[in-house]
Amino acid sequence: MAKRSGGKDYFGLGHLVSVILAIFPPIAWILGFLTRLKEGHLLAAIIRLVFGFTIVWILDLVLLILNGRILRVL
């Protein structure tokens, strides 16, 4: 069976593992920062580092549960 490329965040981890990691704010904050760095979005990584523990974390968690992807704008 082919792997699904969409819906995997946090370094290609599965949906359930990503949701579990996103529940804990410090882990989600660090992983969101590292994910943006890996994608080459330096400005987004800095914004995540500064503001990632607030509303961005809640948006990531909700979108990860509903859509299977974290917020890609920031």
N, C-alpha and C. Protein backbone atom coordinates (compact mmCIF):
# COMPACT_ATOMS: atom_id res chain seq x y z
N MET A 1 0.85 -1.17 0.00
CA MET A 1 0.00 0.00 0.00
C MET A 1 0.89 1.24 0.00
N ALA A 2 0.57 2.22 -0.79
CA ALA A 2 1.38 3.43 -0.92
C ALA A 2 1.21 4.32 0.31
N LYS A 3 2.28 4.99 0.65
CA LYS A 3 2.22 5.92 1.77
C LYS A 3 1.51 7.20 1.35
N ARG A 4 0.77 7.75 2.25
CA ARG A 4 0.09 9.02 2.01
C ARG A 4 1.05 10.15 2.33
N SER A 5 1.33 11.02 1.39
CA SER A 5 2.25 12.11 1.66
C SER A 5 1.56 13.26 2.38
N GLY A 6 0.29 13.48 2.13
CA GLY A 6 -0.43 14.56 2.78
C GLY A 6 -0.87 14.15 4.18
N GLY A 7 -0.96 15.12 5.07
CA GLY A 7 -1.45 14.84 6.40
C GLY A 7 -0.40 14.39 7.37
N LYS A 8 0.87 14.44 6.98
CA LYS A 8 1.93 14.06 7.90
C LYS A 8 2.75 15.29 8.21
N ASP A 9 2.76 15.66 9.46
CA ASP A 9 3.55 16.80 9.91
C ASP A 9 4.52 16.33 10.97
N TYR A 10 5.29 17.28 11.44
CA TYR A 10 6.31 16.96 12.43
C TYR A 10 7.24 15.86 11.93
N PHE A 11 7.93 16.16 10.85
CA PHE A 11 9.00 15.32 10.30
C PHE A 11 8.50 13.98 9.77
N GLY A 12 7.30 13.96 9.20
CA GLY A 12 6.79 12.75 8.58
C GLY A 12 6.19 11.74 9.54
N LEU A 13 6.00 12.13 10.78
CA LEU A 13 5.38 11.23 11.74
C LEU A 13 3.90 11.07 11.40
N GLY A 14 3.30 10.00 11.84
CA GLY A 14 1.90 9.75 11.56
C GLY A 14 0.98 10.73 12.25
N HIS A 15 -0.28 10.70 11.86
CA HIS A 15 -1.28 11.64 12.37
C HIS A 15 -1.45 11.52 13.89
N LEU A 16 -1.61 10.34 14.39
CA LEU A 16 -1.84 10.15 15.83
C LEU A 16 -0.64 10.62 16.64
N VAL A 17 0.56 10.28 16.20
CA VAL A 17 1.77 10.70 16.91
C VAL A 17 1.89 12.23 16.88
N SER A 18 1.59 12.84 15.74
CA SER A 18 1.65 14.30 15.63
C SER A 18 0.64 14.97 16.55
N VAL A 19 -0.56 14.41 16.65
CA VAL A 19 -1.58 14.98 17.54
C VAL A 19 -1.12 14.87 18.99
N ILE A 20 -0.57 13.74 19.37
CA ILE A 20 -0.10 13.55 20.74
C ILE A 20 1.01 14.55 21.06
N LEU A 21 1.94 14.74 20.13
CA LEU A 21 3.02 15.69 20.34
C LEU A 21 2.51 17.13 20.37
N ALA A 22 1.47 17.43 19.59
CA ALA A 22 0.93 18.79 19.53
C ALA A 22 0.15 19.16 20.78
N ILE A 23 -0.27 18.19 21.56
CA ILE A 23 -1.04 18.47 22.77
C ILE A 23 -0.18 19.16 23.82
N PHE A 24 1.08 18.83 23.88
CA PHE A 24 1.98 19.39 24.88
C PHE A 24 2.62 20.66 24.33
N PRO A 25 2.29 21.83 24.88
CA PRO A 25 2.74 23.10 24.32
C PRO A 25 4.25 23.23 24.12
N PRO A 26 5.10 22.88 25.08
CA PRO A 26 6.54 23.06 24.83
C PRO A 26 7.05 22.20 23.67
N ILE A 27 6.56 21.00 23.55
CA ILE A 27 6.99 20.12 22.47
C ILE A 27 6.47 20.64 21.13
N ALA A 28 5.20 21.06 21.09
CA ALA A 28 4.63 21.60 19.86
C ALA A 28 5.34 22.88 19.44
N TRP A 29 5.73 23.69 20.40
CA TRP A 29 6.43 24.94 20.13
C TRP A 29 7.79 24.67 19.48
N ILE A 30 8.53 23.74 20.04
CA ILE A 30 9.85 23.38 19.51
C ILE A 30 9.72 22.70 18.15
N LEU A 31 8.80 21.75 18.03
CA LEU A 31 8.63 21.04 16.76
C LEU A 31 8.12 21.96 15.65
N GLY A 32 7.25 22.91 15.99
CA GLY A 32 6.79 23.87 15.00
C GLY A 32 7.94 24.73 14.49
N PHE A 33 8.80 25.15 15.39
CA PHE A 33 9.99 25.92 15.02
C PHE A 33 10.92 25.11 14.13
N LEU A 34 11.21 23.87 14.54
CA LEU A 34 12.12 23.03 13.77
C LEU A 34 11.55 22.64 12.41
N THR A 35 10.23 22.45 12.36
CA THR A 35 9.59 22.11 11.09
C THR A 35 9.74 23.25 10.10
N ARG A 36 9.55 24.50 10.57
CA ARG A 36 9.70 25.64 9.68
C ARG A 36 11.14 25.80 9.23
N LEU A 37 12.10 25.55 10.12
CA LEU A 37 13.51 25.61 9.73
C LEU A 37 13.83 24.57 8.67
N LYS A 38 13.30 23.37 8.85
CA LYS A 38 13.53 22.29 7.89
C LYS A 38 12.97 22.64 6.51
N GLU A 39 11.85 23.34 6.48
CA GLU A 39 11.23 23.74 5.23
C GLU A 39 11.93 24.94 4.59
N GLY A 40 12.85 25.56 5.33
CA GLY A 40 13.59 26.70 4.80
C GLY A 40 12.91 28.04 5.00
N HIS A 41 11.93 28.10 5.85
CA HIS A 41 11.20 29.35 6.11
C HIS A 41 11.73 29.97 7.41
N LEU A 42 12.81 30.74 7.28
CA LEU A 42 13.48 31.31 8.45
C LEU A 42 12.59 32.31 9.18
N LEU A 43 11.93 33.20 8.45
CA LEU A 43 11.07 34.19 9.09
C LEU A 43 9.91 33.51 9.84
N ALA A 44 9.30 32.52 9.21
CA ALA A 44 8.22 31.78 9.87
C ALA A 44 8.73 31.06 11.11
N ALA A 45 9.96 30.55 11.06
CA ALA A 45 10.54 29.87 12.23
C ALA A 45 10.75 30.84 13.37
N ILE A 46 11.21 32.04 13.06
CA ILE A 46 11.42 33.05 14.11
C ILE A 46 10.09 33.49 14.70
N ILE A 47 9.08 33.67 13.85
CA ILE A 47 7.75 34.03 14.36
C ILE A 47 7.20 32.92 15.23
N ARG A 48 7.40 31.66 14.82
CA ARG A 48 6.96 30.52 15.63
C ARG A 48 7.68 30.50 16.97
N LEU A 49 8.96 30.83 16.97
CA LEU A 49 9.74 30.81 18.20
C LEU A 49 9.24 31.88 19.17
N VAL A 50 8.88 33.04 18.65
CA VAL A 50 8.44 34.14 19.50
C VAL A 50 6.97 33.99 19.91
N PHE A 51 6.10 33.66 18.95
CA PHE A 51 4.66 33.64 19.22
C PHE A 51 4.04 32.25 19.20
N GLY A 52 4.83 31.20 19.05
CA GLY A 52 4.31 29.86 18.87
C GLY A 52 3.62 29.25 20.08
N PHE A 53 3.85 29.83 21.25
CA PHE A 53 3.26 29.26 22.45
C PHE A 53 1.89 29.84 22.76
N THR A 54 1.38 30.70 21.91
CA THR A 54 0.08 31.33 22.18
C THR A 54 -0.97 30.81 21.21
N ILE A 55 -1.60 31.69 20.49
CA ILE A 55 -2.70 31.34 19.60
C ILE A 55 -2.27 30.41 18.47
N VAL A 56 -1.01 30.51 18.05
CA VAL A 56 -0.52 29.65 16.97
C VAL A 56 -0.56 28.19 17.41
N TRP A 57 -0.26 27.92 18.69
CA TRP A 57 -0.31 26.55 19.20
C TRP A 57 -1.74 26.01 19.16
N ILE A 58 -2.69 26.82 19.55
CA ILE A 58 -4.09 26.40 19.54
C ILE A 58 -4.56 26.15 18.11
N LEU A 59 -4.19 27.04 17.18
CA LEU A 59 -4.55 26.84 15.78
C LEU A 59 -3.93 25.56 15.22
N ASP A 60 -2.66 25.33 15.54
CA ASP A 60 -2.01 24.11 15.09
C ASP A 60 -2.72 22.87 15.60
N LEU A 61 -3.07 22.87 16.86
CA LEU A 61 -3.72 21.71 17.46
C LEU A 61 -5.08 21.45 16.82
N VAL A 62 -5.88 22.48 16.66
CA VAL A 62 -7.22 22.33 16.07
C VAL A 62 -7.11 21.87 14.61
N LEU A 63 -6.24 22.51 13.84
CA LEU A 63 -6.09 22.14 12.43
C LEU A 63 -5.51 20.75 12.27
N LEU A 64 -4.60 20.36 13.16
CA LEU A 64 -4.03 19.02 13.08
C LEU A 64 -5.09 17.96 13.34
N ILE A 65 -5.97 18.22 14.28
CA ILE A 65 -7.03 17.26 14.58
C ILE A 65 -8.07 17.22 13.46
N LEU A 66 -8.46 18.38 12.95
CA LEU A 66 -9.51 18.44 11.94
C LEU A 66 -9.03 18.12 10.53
N ASN A 67 -7.88 18.69 10.12
CA ASN A 67 -7.42 18.56 8.75
C ASN A 67 -6.25 17.62 8.59
N GLY A 68 -5.58 17.30 9.67
CA GLY A 68 -4.41 16.44 9.59
C GLY A 68 -3.14 17.18 9.23
N ARG A 69 -3.17 18.51 9.20
CA ARG A 69 -1.99 19.33 8.87
C ARG A 69 -1.91 20.51 9.80
N ILE A 70 -0.69 20.92 10.13
CA ILE A 70 -0.53 22.11 10.94
C ILE A 70 -0.63 23.34 10.06
N LEU A 71 -0.76 24.49 10.67
CA LEU A 71 -0.92 25.75 9.95
C LEU A 71 0.34 26.03 9.14
N ARG A 72 0.21 26.16 7.84
CA ARG A 72 1.36 26.35 6.95
C ARG A 72 1.66 27.81 6.68
N VAL A 73 0.80 28.73 7.09
CA VAL A 73 1.06 30.14 6.84
C VAL A 73 2.24 30.61 7.68
N LEU A 74 2.26 30.20 8.93
CA LEU A 74 3.37 30.57 9.82
C LEU A 74 4.09 29.33 10.25
